[in-house]
Amino acid sequence: MEQRANIKFCFKLGKTFTETFELIKKVYGDDCLSRTRVFEWYKRFQDGRDALEDDSKPGRPKKKNRDELVEKVREMIAYDANLTVKWMAEELNTTKDMIHEILTKDLDK
């Protein structure tokens, strides 16, 4: 959410997408949103969006069932044990803290 706010701030300052991405990358380093995600949010603000929250998705609950998340993380690491916590969090639309907790407490990794 913080990075989205900063993307919005840069957009309102008149920064280009490239300038915005470089600044976000400089500030957040390895925890930076991907270039694609930064572009998506920059484009949303460019199109007049003000909200920082994700769009609601009809038919999907906002919060995923923890058991479902645990199973999806288990499947991901079974497929590729080298996946990053950041990548899994983005793919599962959850936080890195939640993925880390699942890996350490539920999956003993």
PDB file of N, CA and C in Angstrom:
ATOM      1  N   MET A   1       0.829  -1.182   0.000  1.00  0.00           N
ATOM      2  CA  MET A   1       0.000   0.000   0.000  1.00  0.00           C
ATOM      3  C   MET A   1       0.881   1.257   0.000  1.00  0.00           C
ATOM      4  N   GLU A   2       1.970   1.194   0.755  1.00  0.00           N
ATOM      5  CA  GLU A   2       2.887   2.336   0.836  1.00  0.00           C
ATOM      6  C   GLU A   2       3.501   2.652  -0.527  1.00  0.00           C
ATOM      7  N   GLN A   3       3.884   1.614  -1.256  1.00  0.00           N
ATOM      8  CA  GLN A   3       4.486   1.839  -2.568  1.00  0.00           C
ATOM      9  C   GLN A   3       3.471   2.431  -3.531  1.00  0.00           C
ATOM     10  N   ARG A   4       2.234   2.002  -3.427  1.00  0.00           N
ATOM     11  CA  ARG A   4       1.184   2.560  -4.277  1.00  0.00           C
ATOM     12  C   ARG A   4       1.014   4.052  -4.006  1.00  0.00           C
ATOM     13  N   ALA A   5       1.046   4.408  -2.726  1.00  0.00           N
ATOM     14  CA  ALA A   5       0.921   5.823  -2.362  1.00  0.00           C
ATOM     15  C   ALA A   5       2.080   6.629  -2.934  1.00  0.00           C
ATOM     16  N   ASN A   6       3.258   6.047  -2.912  1.00  0.00           N
ATOM     17  CA  ASN A   6       4.423   6.743  -3.451  1.00  0.00           C
ATOM     18  C   ASN A   6       4.370   6.842  -4.982  1.00  0.00           C
ATOM     19  N   ILE A   7       3.818   5.832  -5.619  1.00  0.00           N
ATOM     20  CA  ILE A   7       3.632   5.897  -7.078  1.00  0.00           C
ATOM     21  C   ILE A   7       2.665   7.028  -7.401  1.00  0.00           C
ATOM     22  N   LYS A   8       1.594   7.111  -6.638  1.00  0.00           N
ATOM     23  CA  LYS A   8       0.604   8.176  -6.839  1.00  0.00           C
ATOM     24  C   LYS A   8       1.240   9.546  -6.619  1.00  0.00           C
ATOM     25  N   PHE A   9       2.053   9.659  -5.582  1.00  0.00           N
ATOM     26  CA  PHE A   9       2.740  10.910  -5.266  1.00  0.00           C
ATOM     27  C   PHE A   9       3.646  11.335  -6.434  1.00  0.00           C
ATOM     28  N   CYS A  10       4.428  10.388  -6.944  1.00  0.00           N
ATOM     29  CA  CYS A  10       5.318  10.687  -8.080  1.00  0.00           C
ATOM     30  C   CYS A  10       4.517  11.112  -9.302  1.00  0.00           C
ATOM     31  N   PHE A  11       3.414  10.417  -9.561  1.00  0.00           N
ATOM     32  CA  PHE A  11       2.566  10.773 -10.698  1.00  0.00           C
ATOM     33  C   PHE A  11       2.050  12.204 -10.553  1.00  0.00           C
ATOM     34  N   LYS A  12       1.577  12.544  -9.350  1.00  0.00           N
ATOM     35  CA  LYS A  12       1.037  13.888  -9.125  1.00  0.00           C
ATOM     36  C   LYS A  12       2.121  14.961  -9.216  1.00  0.00           C
ATOM     37  N   LEU A  13       3.379  14.580  -8.966  1.00  0.00           N
ATOM     38  CA  LEU A  13       4.494  15.515  -9.119  1.00  0.00           C
ATOM     39  C   LEU A  13       4.879  15.705 -10.584  1.00  0.00           C
ATOM     40  N   GLY A  14       4.309  14.892 -11.460  1.00  0.00           N
ATOM     41  CA  GLY A  14       4.617  15.006 -12.879  1.00  0.00           C
ATOM     42  C   GLY A  14       5.786  14.145 -13.323  1.00  0.00           C
ATOM     43  N   LYS A  15       6.190  13.203 -12.472  1.00  0.00           N
ATOM     44  CA  LYS A  15       7.283  12.294 -12.841  1.00  0.00           C
ATOM     45  C   LYS A  15       6.797  11.340 -13.934  1.00  0.00           C
ATOM     46  N   THR A  16       7.680  10.946 -14.836  1.00  0.00           N
ATOM     47  CA  THR A  16       7.339   9.952 -15.848  1.00  0.00           C
ATOM     48  C   THR A  16       7.300   8.578 -15.180  1.00  0.00           C
ATOM     49  N   PHE A  17       6.770   7.585 -15.903  1.00  0.00           N
ATOM     50  CA  PHE A  17       6.766   6.233 -15.359  1.00  0.00           C
ATOM     51  C   PHE A  17       8.184   5.769 -15.055  1.00  0.00           C
ATOM     52  N   THR A  18       9.112   6.005 -15.985  1.00  0.00           N
ATOM     53  CA  THR A  18      10.494   5.557 -15.809  1.00  0.00           C
ATOM     54  C   THR A  18      11.122   6.198 -14.576  1.00  0.00           C
ATOM     55  N   GLU A  19      10.912   7.496 -14.394  1.00  0.00           N
ATOM     56  CA  GLU A  19      11.439   8.186 -13.209  1.00  0.00           C
ATOM     57  C   GLU A  19      10.814   7.613 -11.943  1.00  0.00           C
ATOM     58  N   THR A  20       9.516   7.369 -12.007  1.00  0.00           N
ATOM     59  CA  THR A  20       8.806   6.817 -10.853  1.00  0.00           C
ATOM     60  C   THR A  20       9.357   5.447 -10.490  1.00  0.00           C
ATOM     61  N   PHE A  21       9.515   4.577 -11.482  1.00  0.00           N
ATOM     62  CA  PHE A  21      10.017   3.232 -11.210  1.00  0.00           C
ATOM     63  C   PHE A  21      11.419   3.276 -10.619  1.00  0.00           C
ATOM     64  N   GLU A  22      12.270   4.123 -11.155  1.00  0.00           N
ATOM     65  CA  GLU A  22      13.639   4.237 -10.636  1.00  0.00           C
ATOM     66  C   GLU A  22      13.638   4.704  -9.174  1.00  0.00           C
ATOM     67  N   LEU A  23      12.785   5.656  -8.851  1.00  0.00           N
ATOM     68  CA  LEU A  23      12.701   6.146  -7.470  1.00  0.00           C
ATOM     69  C   LEU A  23      12.174   5.056  -6.535  1.00  0.00           C
ATOM     70  N   ILE A  24      11.140   4.357  -6.955  1.00  0.00           N
ATOM     71  CA  ILE A  24      10.572   3.279  -6.134  1.00  0.00           C
ATOM     72  C   ILE A  24      11.621   2.196  -5.916  1.00  0.00           C
ATOM     73  N   LYS A  25      12.337   1.843  -6.980  1.00  0.00           N
ATOM     74  CA  LYS A  25      13.381   0.820  -6.890  1.00  0.00           C
ATOM     75  C   LYS A  25      14.502   1.264  -5.946  1.00  0.00           C
ATOM     76  N   LYS A  26      14.853   2.545  -6.026  1.00  0.00           N
ATOM     77  CA  LYS A  26      15.924   3.076  -5.176  1.00  0.00           C
ATOM     78  C   LYS A  26      15.531   3.039  -3.707  1.00  0.00           C
ATOM     79  N   VAL A  27      14.283   3.371  -3.422  1.00  0.00           N
ATOM     80  CA  VAL A  27      13.816   3.421  -2.031  1.00  0.00           C
ATOM     81  C   VAL A  27      13.601   2.020  -1.455  1.00  0.00           C
ATOM     82  N   TYR A  28      12.966   1.119  -2.220  1.00  0.00           N
ATOM     83  CA  TYR A  28      12.562  -0.177  -1.679  1.00  0.00           C
ATOM     84  C   TYR A  28      13.515  -1.324  -2.005  1.00  0.00           C
ATOM     85  N   GLY A  29      14.432  -1.114  -2.921  1.00  0.00           N
ATOM     86  CA  GLY A  29      15.413  -2.156  -3.233  1.00  0.00           C
ATOM     87  C   GLY A  29      14.768  -3.478  -3.610  1.00  0.00           C
ATOM     88  N   ASP A  30      15.159  -4.549  -2.920  1.00  0.00           N
ATOM     89  CA  ASP A  30      14.647  -5.891  -3.217  1.00  0.00           C
ATOM     90  C   ASP A  30      13.162  -6.049  -2.915  1.00  0.00           C
ATOM     91  N   ASP A  31      12.608  -5.172  -2.079  1.00  0.00           N
ATOM     92  CA  ASP A  31      11.193  -5.256  -1.736  1.00  0.00           C
ATOM     93  C   ASP A  31      10.314  -4.438  -2.669  1.00  0.00           C
ATOM     94  N   CYS A  32      10.907  -3.920  -3.730  1.00  0.00           N
ATOM     95  CA  CYS A  32      10.180  -3.100  -4.702  1.00  0.00           C
ATOM     96  C   CYS A  32       9.183  -3.943  -5.487  1.00  0.00           C
ATOM     97  N   LEU A  33       8.038  -3.354  -5.790  1.00  0.00           N
ATOM     98  CA  LEU A  33       7.094  -4.008  -6.691  1.00  0.00           C
ATOM     99  C   LEU A  33       7.786  -4.230  -8.034  1.00  0.00           C
ATOM    100  N   SER A  34       7.313  -5.201  -8.776  1.00  0.00           N
ATOM    101  CA  SER A  34       7.891  -5.446 -10.099  1.00  0.00           C
ATOM    102  C   SER A  34       7.604  -4.262 -11.018  1.00  0.00           C
ATOM    103  N   ARG A  35       8.385  -4.166 -12.081  1.00  0.00           N
ATOM    104  CA  ARG A  35       8.202  -3.082 -13.057  1.00  0.00           C
ATOM    105  C   ARG A  35       6.774  -3.100 -13.604  1.00  0.00           C
ATOM    106  N   THR A  36       6.250  -4.292 -13.849  1.00  0.00           N
ATOM    107  CA  THR A  36       4.888  -4.433 -14.361  1.00  0.00           C
ATOM    108  C   THR A  36       3.862  -3.888 -13.374  1.00  0.00           C
ATOM    109  N   ARG A  37       4.014  -4.233 -12.101  1.00  0.00           N
ATOM    110  CA  ARG A  37       3.064  -3.763 -11.073  1.00  0.00           C
ATOM    111  C   ARG A  37       3.138  -2.246 -10.914  1.00  0.00           C
ATOM    112  N   VAL A  38       4.348  -1.695 -10.931  1.00  0.00           N
ATOM    113  CA  VAL A  38       4.496  -0.240 -10.827  1.00  0.00           C
ATOM    114  C   VAL A  38       3.816   0.414 -12.023  1.00  0.00           C
ATOM    115  N   PHE A  39       4.014  -0.157 -13.210  1.00  0.00           N
ATOM    116  CA  PHE A  39       3.381   0.397 -14.405  1.00  0.00           C
ATOM    117  C   PHE A  39       1.863   0.328 -14.288  1.00  0.00           C
ATOM    118  N   GLU A  40       1.312  -0.797 -13.813  1.00  0.00           N
ATOM    119  CA  GLU A  40      -0.137  -0.943 -13.676  1.00  0.00           C
ATOM    120  C   GLU A  40      -0.706   0.143 -12.766  1.00  0.00           C
ATOM    121  N   TRP A  41      -0.050   0.382 -11.628  1.00  0.00           N
ATOM    122  CA  TRP A  41      -0.546   1.399 -10.691  1.00  0.00           C
ATOM    123  C   TRP A  41      -0.344   2.799 -11.250  1.00  0.00           C
ATOM    124  N   TYR A  42       0.774   3.045 -11.899  1.00  0.00           N
ATOM    125  CA  TYR A  42       1.012   4.355 -12.516  1.00  0.00           C
ATOM    126  C   TYR A  42      -0.087   4.636 -13.538  1.00  0.00           C
ATOM    127  N   LYS A  43      -0.406   3.645 -14.362  1.00  0.00           N
ATOM    128  CA  LYS A  43      -1.440   3.779 -15.391  1.00  0.00           C
ATOM    129  C   LYS A  43      -2.810   4.034 -14.762  1.00  0.00           C
ATOM    130  N   ARG A  44      -3.107   3.351 -13.656  1.00  0.00           N
ATOM    131  CA  ARG A  44      -4.388   3.566 -12.971  1.00  0.00           C
ATOM    132  C   ARG A  44      -4.513   5.019 -12.509  1.00  0.00           C
ATOM    133  N   PHE A  45      -3.436   5.552 -11.930  1.00  0.00           N
ATOM    134  CA  PHE A  45      -3.482   6.940 -11.466  1.00  0.00           C
ATOM    135  C   PHE A  45      -3.566   7.894 -12.650  1.00  0.00           C
ATOM    136  N   GLN A  46      -2.910   7.546 -13.730  1.00  0.00           N
ATOM    137  CA  GLN A  46      -2.951   8.344 -14.948  1.00  0.00           C
ATOM    138  C   GLN A  46      -4.376   8.378 -15.518  1.00  0.00           C
ATOM    139  N   ASP A  47      -5.097   7.285 -15.340  1.00  0.00           N
ATOM    140  CA  ASP A  47      -6.474   7.189 -15.837  1.00  0.00           C
ATOM    141  C   ASP A  47      -7.495   7.810 -14.883  1.00  0.00           C
ATOM    142  N   GLY A  48      -7.014   8.448 -13.805  1.00  0.00           N
ATOM    143  CA  GLY A  48      -7.915   9.156 -12.904  1.00  0.00           C
ATOM    144  C   GLY A  48      -8.286   8.422 -11.632  1.00  0.00           C
ATOM    145  N   ARG A  49      -7.726   7.279 -11.409  1.00  0.00           N
ATOM    146  CA  ARG A  49      -8.024   6.535 -10.186  1.00  0.00           C
ATOM    147  C   ARG A  49      -7.376   7.221  -8.993  1.00  0.00           C
ATOM    148  N   ASP A  50      -8.079   7.238  -7.856  1.00  0.00           N
ATOM    149  CA  ASP A  50      -7.521   7.818  -6.636  1.00  0.00           C
ATOM    150  C   ASP A  50      -7.285   6.777  -5.542  1.00  0.00           C
ATOM    151  N   ALA A  51      -8.080   5.719  -5.528  1.00  0.00           N
ATOM    152  CA  ALA A  51      -7.999   4.714  -4.468  1.00  0.00           C
ATOM    153  C   ALA A  51      -6.707   3.908  -4.560  1.00  0.00           C
ATOM    154  N   LEU A  52      -6.184   3.543  -3.401  1.00  0.00           N
ATOM    155  CA  LEU A  52      -4.960   2.748  -3.328  1.00  0.00           C
ATOM    156  C   LEU A  52      -5.258   1.258  -3.167  1.00  0.00           C
ATOM    157  N   GLU A  53      -6.501   0.920  -2.840  1.00  0.00           N
ATOM    158  CA  GLU A  53      -6.885  -0.466  -2.598  1.00  0.00           C
ATOM    159  C   GLU A  53      -7.042  -1.214  -3.917  1.00  0.00           C
ATOM    160  N   ASP A  54      -6.894  -2.533  -3.855  1.00  0.00           N
ATOM    161  CA  ASP A  54      -7.137  -3.372  -5.020  1.00  0.00           C
ATOM    162  C   ASP A  54      -8.600  -3.273  -5.412  1.00  0.00           C
ATOM    163  N   ASP A  55      -8.876  -3.527  -6.675  1.00  0.00           N
ATOM    164  CA  ASP A  55     -10.260  -3.620  -7.119  1.00  0.00           C
ATOM    165  C   ASP A  55     -10.871  -4.866  -6.506  1.00  0.00           C
ATOM    166  N   SER A  56     -12.143  -4.781  -6.153  1.00  0.00           N
ATOM    167  CA  SER A  56     -12.801  -5.983  -5.637  1.00  0.00           C
ATOM    168  C   SER A  56     -13.026  -6.935  -6.808  1.00  0.00           C
ATOM    169  N   LYS A  57     -12.930  -8.194  -6.518  1.00  0.00           N
ATOM    170  CA  LYS A  57     -13.087  -9.205  -7.559  1.00  0.00           C
ATOM    171  C   LYS A  57     -14.368  -9.978  -7.276  1.00  0.00           C
ATOM    172  N   PRO A  58     -15.356  -9.839  -8.154  1.00  0.00           N
ATOM    173  CA  PRO A  58     -16.623 -10.520  -7.920  1.00  0.00           C
ATOM    174  C   PRO A  58     -16.434 -12.032  -7.872  1.00  0.00           C
ATOM    175  N   GLY A  59     -17.115 -12.638  -6.918  1.00  0.00           N
ATOM    176  CA  GLY A  59     -17.056 -14.087  -6.823  1.00  0.00           C
ATOM    177  C   GLY A  59     -15.887 -14.624  -6.032  1.00  0.00           C
ATOM    178  N   ARG A  60     -14.939 -13.757  -5.669  1.00  0.00           N
ATOM    179  CA  ARG A  60     -13.793 -14.206  -4.881  1.00  0.00           C
ATOM    180  C   ARG A  60     -13.822 -13.534  -3.522  1.00  0.00           C
ATOM    181  N   PRO A  61     -13.585 -14.276  -2.489  1.00  0.00           N
ATOM    182  CA  PRO A  61     -13.526 -13.641  -1.165  1.00  0.00           C
ATOM    183  C   PRO A  61     -12.289 -12.762  -1.061  1.00  0.00           C
ATOM    184  N   LYS A  62     -12.398 -11.689  -0.266  1.00  0.00           N
ATOM    185  CA  LYS A  62     -11.252 -10.791  -0.101  1.00  0.00           C
ATOM    186  C   LYS A  62     -10.110 -11.479   0.620  1.00  0.00           C
ATOM    187  N   LYS A  63     -10.424 -12.236   1.653  1.00  0.00           N
ATOM    188  CA  LYS A  63      -9.384 -12.919   2.410  1.00  0.00           C
ATOM    189  C   LYS A  63      -9.445 -14.406   2.101  1.00  0.00           C
ATOM    190  N   LYS A  64      -8.314 -14.923   1.711  1.00  0.00           N
ATOM    191  CA  LYS A  64      -8.269 -16.335   1.381  1.00  0.00           C
ATOM    192  C   LYS A  64      -8.193 -17.154   2.658  1.00  0.00           C
ATOM    193  N   ASN A  65      -8.759 -18.299   2.576  1.00  0.00           N
ATOM    194  CA  ASN A  65      -8.717 -19.236   3.673  1.00  0.00           C
ATOM    195  C   ASN A  65      -7.255 -19.640   3.897  1.00  0.00           C
ATOM    196  N   ARG A  66      -6.811 -19.620   5.142  1.00  0.00           N
ATOM    197  CA  ARG A  66      -5.411 -19.928   5.448  1.00  0.00           C
ATOM    198  C   ARG A  66      -5.019 -21.326   4.965  1.00  0.00           C
ATOM    199  N   ASP A  67      -5.911 -22.296   5.146  1.00  0.00           N
ATOM    200  CA  ASP A  67      -5.610 -23.665   4.702  1.00  0.00           C
ATOM    201  C   ASP A  67      -5.376 -23.706   3.199  1.00  0.00           C
ATOM    202  N   GLU A  68      -6.153 -22.921   2.464  1.00  0.00           N
ATOM    203  CA  GLU A  68      -5.992 -22.844   1.015  1.00  0.00           C
ATOM    204  C   GLU A  68      -4.633 -22.238   0.664  1.00  0.00           C
ATOM    205  N   LEU A  69      -4.243 -21.182   1.389  1.00  0.00           N
ATOM    206  CA  LEU A  69      -2.940 -20.556   1.151  1.00  0.00           C
ATOM    207  C   LEU A  69      -1.800 -21.528   1.445  1.00  0.00           C
ATOM    208  N   VAL A  70      -1.922 -22.242   2.563  1.00  0.00           N
ATOM    209  CA  VAL A  70      -0.882 -23.209   2.935  1.00  0.00           C
ATOM    210  C   VAL A  70      -0.718 -24.241   1.830  1.00  0.00           C
ATOM    211  N   GLU A  71      -1.828 -24.739   1.315  1.00  0.00           N
ATOM    212  CA  GLU A  71      -1.762 -25.749   0.260  1.00  0.00           C
ATOM    213  C   GLU A  71      -1.139 -25.191  -1.020  1.00  0.00           C
ATOM    214  N   LYS A  72      -1.486 -23.959  -1.374  1.00  0.00           N
ATOM    215  CA  LYS A  72      -0.932 -23.356  -2.586  1.00  0.00           C
ATOM    216  C   LYS A  72       0.578 -23.116  -2.435  1.00  0.00           C
ATOM    217  N   VAL A  73       1.012 -22.670  -1.254  1.00  0.00           N
ATOM    218  CA  VAL A  73       2.445 -22.476  -1.010  1.00  0.00           C
ATOM    219  C   VAL A  73       3.157 -23.821  -1.082  1.00  0.00           C
ATOM    220  N   ARG A  74       2.558 -24.859  -0.500  1.00  0.00           N
ATOM    221  CA  ARG A  74       3.140 -26.210  -0.541  1.00  0.00           C
ATOM    222  C   ARG A  74       3.326 -26.658  -2.001  1.00  0.00           C
ATOM    223  N   GLU A  75       2.316 -26.426  -2.828  1.00  0.00           N
ATOM    224  CA  GLU A  75       2.392 -26.798  -4.241  1.00  0.00           C
ATOM    225  C   GLU A  75       3.481 -25.999  -4.967  1.00  0.00           C
ATOM    226  N   MET A  76       3.567 -24.714  -4.653  1.00  0.00           N
ATOM    227  CA  MET A  76       4.564 -23.864  -5.308  1.00  0.00           C
ATOM    228  C   MET A  76       5.984 -24.333  -5.007  1.00  0.00           C
ATOM    229  N   ILE A  77       6.262 -24.610  -3.724  1.00  0.00           N
ATOM    230  CA  ILE A  77       7.626 -25.010  -3.386  1.00  0.00           C
ATOM    231  C   ILE A  77       7.922 -26.440  -3.824  1.00  0.00           C
ATOM    232  N   ALA A  78       6.882 -27.262  -3.976  1.00  0.00           N
ATOM    233  CA  ALA A  78       7.098 -28.610  -4.511  1.00  0.00           C
ATOM    234  C   ALA A  78       7.486 -28.509  -5.982  1.00  0.00           C
ATOM    235  N   TYR A  79       6.907 -27.555  -6.675  1.00  0.00           N
ATOM    236  CA  TYR A  79       7.211 -27.356  -8.096  1.00  0.00           C
ATOM    237  C   TYR A  79       8.586 -26.714  -8.277  1.00  0.00           C
ATOM    238  N   ASP A  80       8.888 -25.699  -7.436  1.00  0.00           N
ATOM    239  CA  ASP A  80      10.168 -24.994  -7.544  1.00  0.00           C
ATOM    240  C   ASP A  80      10.559 -24.463  -6.162  1.00  0.00           C
ATOM    241  N   ALA A  81      11.499 -25.120  -5.532  1.00  0.00           N
ATOM    242  CA  ALA A  81      11.917 -24.761  -4.177  1.00  0.00           C
ATOM    243  C   ALA A  81      12.694 -23.447  -4.126  1.00  0.00           C
ATOM    244  N   ASN A  82      13.037 -22.881  -5.269  1.00  0.00           N
ATOM    245  CA  ASN A  82      13.813 -21.646  -5.310  1.00  0.00           C
ATOM    246  C   ASN A  82      12.961 -20.390  -5.474  1.00  0.00           C
ATOM    247  N   LEU A  83      11.645 -20.516  -5.399  1.00  0.00           N
ATOM    248  CA  LEU A  83      10.779 -19.342  -5.525  1.00  0.00           C
ATOM    249  C   LEU A  83      11.008 -18.409  -4.344  1.00  0.00           C
ATOM    250  N   THR A  84      10.925 -17.112  -4.596  1.00  0.00           N
ATOM    251  CA  THR A  84      11.122 -16.149  -3.515  1.00  0.00           C
ATOM    252  C   THR A  84       9.809 -15.908  -2.774  1.00  0.00           C
ATOM    253  N   VAL A  85       9.939 -15.498  -1.528  1.00  0.00           N
ATOM    254  CA  VAL A  85       8.780 -15.155  -0.712  1.00  0.00           C
ATOM    255  C   VAL A  85       8.020 -14.007  -1.372  1.00  0.00           C
ATOM    256  N   LYS A  86       8.756 -13.048  -1.888  1.00  0.00           N
ATOM    257  CA  LYS A  86       8.128 -11.898  -2.545  1.00  0.00           C
ATOM    258  C   LYS A  86       7.285 -12.348  -3.731  1.00  0.00           C
ATOM    259  N   TRP A  87       7.839 -13.230  -4.560  1.00  0.00           N
ATOM    260  CA  TRP A  87       7.119 -13.690  -5.741  1.00  0.00           C
ATOM    261  C   TRP A  87       5.854 -14.448  -5.343  1.00  0.00           C
ATOM    262  N   MET A  88       5.979 -15.349  -4.356  1.00  0.00           N
ATOM    263  CA  MET A  88       4.813 -16.119  -3.917  1.00  0.00           C
ATOM    264  C   MET A  88       3.731 -15.193  -3.361  1.00  0.00           C
ATOM    265  N   ALA A  89       4.145 -14.190  -2.594  1.00  0.00           N
ATOM    266  CA  ALA A  89       3.171 -13.245  -2.021  1.00  0.00           C
ATOM    267  C   ALA A  89       2.422 -12.504  -3.122  1.00  0.00           C
ATOM    268  N   GLU A  90       3.140 -12.065  -4.145  1.00  0.00           N
ATOM    269  CA  GLU A  90       2.494 -11.364  -5.264  1.00  0.00           C
ATOM    270  C   GLU A  90       1.544 -12.290  -6.009  1.00  0.00           C
ATOM    271  N   GLU A  91       1.980 -13.518  -6.254  1.00  0.00           N
ATOM    272  CA  GLU A  91       1.146 -14.464  -7.000  1.00  0.00           C
ATOM    273  C   GLU A  91      -0.115 -14.849  -6.231  1.00  0.00           C
ATOM    274  N   LEU A  92       0.000 -14.940  -4.916  1.00  0.00           N
ATOM    275  CA  LEU A  92      -1.144 -15.353  -4.093  1.00  0.00           C
ATOM    276  C   LEU A  92      -1.904 -14.159  -3.506  1.00  0.00           C
ATOM    277  N   ASN A  93      -1.483 -12.953  -3.879  1.00  0.00           N
ATOM    278  CA  ASN A  93      -2.149 -11.729  -3.426  1.00  0.00           C
ATOM    279  C   ASN A  93      -2.246 -11.680  -1.898  1.00  0.00           C
ATOM    280  N   THR A  94      -1.109 -11.903  -1.269  1.00  0.00           N
ATOM    281  CA  THR A  94      -1.043 -11.830   0.191  1.00  0.00           C
ATOM    282  C   THR A  94       0.270 -11.152   0.561  1.00  0.00           C
ATOM    283  N   THR A  95       0.569 -11.102   1.840  1.00  0.00           N
ATOM    284  CA  THR A  95       1.777 -10.413   2.286  1.00  0.00           C
ATOM    285  C   THR A  95       2.970 -11.365   2.371  1.00  0.00           C
ATOM    286  N   LYS A  96       4.154 -10.777   2.333  1.00  0.00           N
ATOM    287  CA  LYS A  96       5.372 -11.573   2.492  1.00  0.00           C
ATOM    288  C   LYS A  96       5.409 -12.166   3.898  1.00  0.00           C
ATOM    289  N   ASP A  97       4.905 -11.420   4.875  1.00  0.00           N
ATOM    290  CA  ASP A  97       4.872 -11.931   6.251  1.00  0.00           C
ATOM    291  C   ASP A  97       4.018 -13.196   6.348  1.00  0.00           C
ATOM    292  N   MET A  98       2.879 -13.194   5.643  1.00  0.00           N
ATOM    293  CA  MET A  98       2.005 -14.365   5.663  1.00  0.00           C
ATOM    294  C   MET A  98       2.705 -15.564   5.031  1.00  0.00           C
ATOM    295  N   ILE A  99       3.384 -15.357   3.905  1.00  0.00           N
ATOM    296  CA  ILE A  99       4.102 -16.450   3.251  1.00  0.00           C
ATOM    297  C   ILE A  99       5.213 -16.970   4.159  1.00  0.00           C
ATOM    298  N   HIS A 100       5.952 -16.050   4.762  1.00  0.00           N
ATOM    299  CA  HIS A 100       7.033 -16.452   5.672  1.00  0.00           C
ATOM    300  C   HIS A 100       6.480 -17.266   6.844  1.00  0.00           C
ATOM    301  N   GLU A 101       5.361 -16.817   7.395  1.00  0.00           N
ATOM    302  CA  GLU A 101       4.735 -17.533   8.517  1.00  0.00           C
ATOM    303  C   GLU A 101       4.303 -18.935   8.087  1.00  0.00           C
ATOM    304  N   ILE A 102       3.714 -19.047   6.920  1.00  0.00           N
ATOM    305  CA  ILE A 102       3.291 -20.356   6.415  1.00  0.00           C
ATOM    306  C   ILE A 102       4.502 -21.266   6.229  1.00  0.00           C
ATOM    307  N   LEU A 103       5.564 -20.714   5.634  1.00  0.00           N
ATOM    308  CA  LEU A 103       6.762 -21.520   5.401  1.00  0.00           C
ATOM    309  C   LEU A 103       7.391 -22.008   6.704  1.00  0.00           C
ATOM    310  N   THR A 104       7.455 -21.137   7.701  1.00  0.00           N
ATOM    311  CA  THR A 104       8.133 -21.514   8.941  1.00  0.00           C
ATOM    312  C   THR A 104       7.249 -22.279   9.912  1.00  0.00           C
ATOM    313  N   LYS A 105       6.014 -21.863  10.077  1.00  0.00           N
ATOM    314  CA  LYS A 105       5.141 -22.499  11.073  1.00  0.00           C
ATOM    315  C   LYS A 105       4.363 -23.688  10.540  1.00  0.00           C
ATOM    316  N   ASP A 106       3.847 -23.547   9.331  1.00  0.00           N
ATOM    317  CA  ASP A 106       2.992 -24.622   8.794  1.00  0.00           C
ATOM    318  C   ASP A 106       3.776 -25.674   8.021  1.00  0.00           C
ATOM    319  N   LEU A 107       4.817 -25.250   7.329  1.00  0.00           N
ATOM    320  CA  LEU A 107       5.556 -26.177   6.472  1.00  0.00           C
ATOM    321  C   LEU A 107       6.948 -26.505   6.990  1.00  0.00           C
ATOM    322  N   ASP A 108       7.325 -25.947   8.110  1.00  0.00           N
ATOM    323  CA  ASP A 108       8.630 -26.202   8.737  1.00  0.00           C
ATOM    324  C   ASP A 108       9.797 -26.036   7.775  1.00  0.00           C
ATOM    325  N   LYS A 109       9.793 -24.961   6.992  1.00  0.00           N
ATOM    326  CA  LYS A 109      10.883 -24.699   6.032  1.00  0.00           C
ATOM    327  C   LYS A 109      11.796 -23.638   6.556  1.00  0.00           C
TER     328      LYS A 109
END
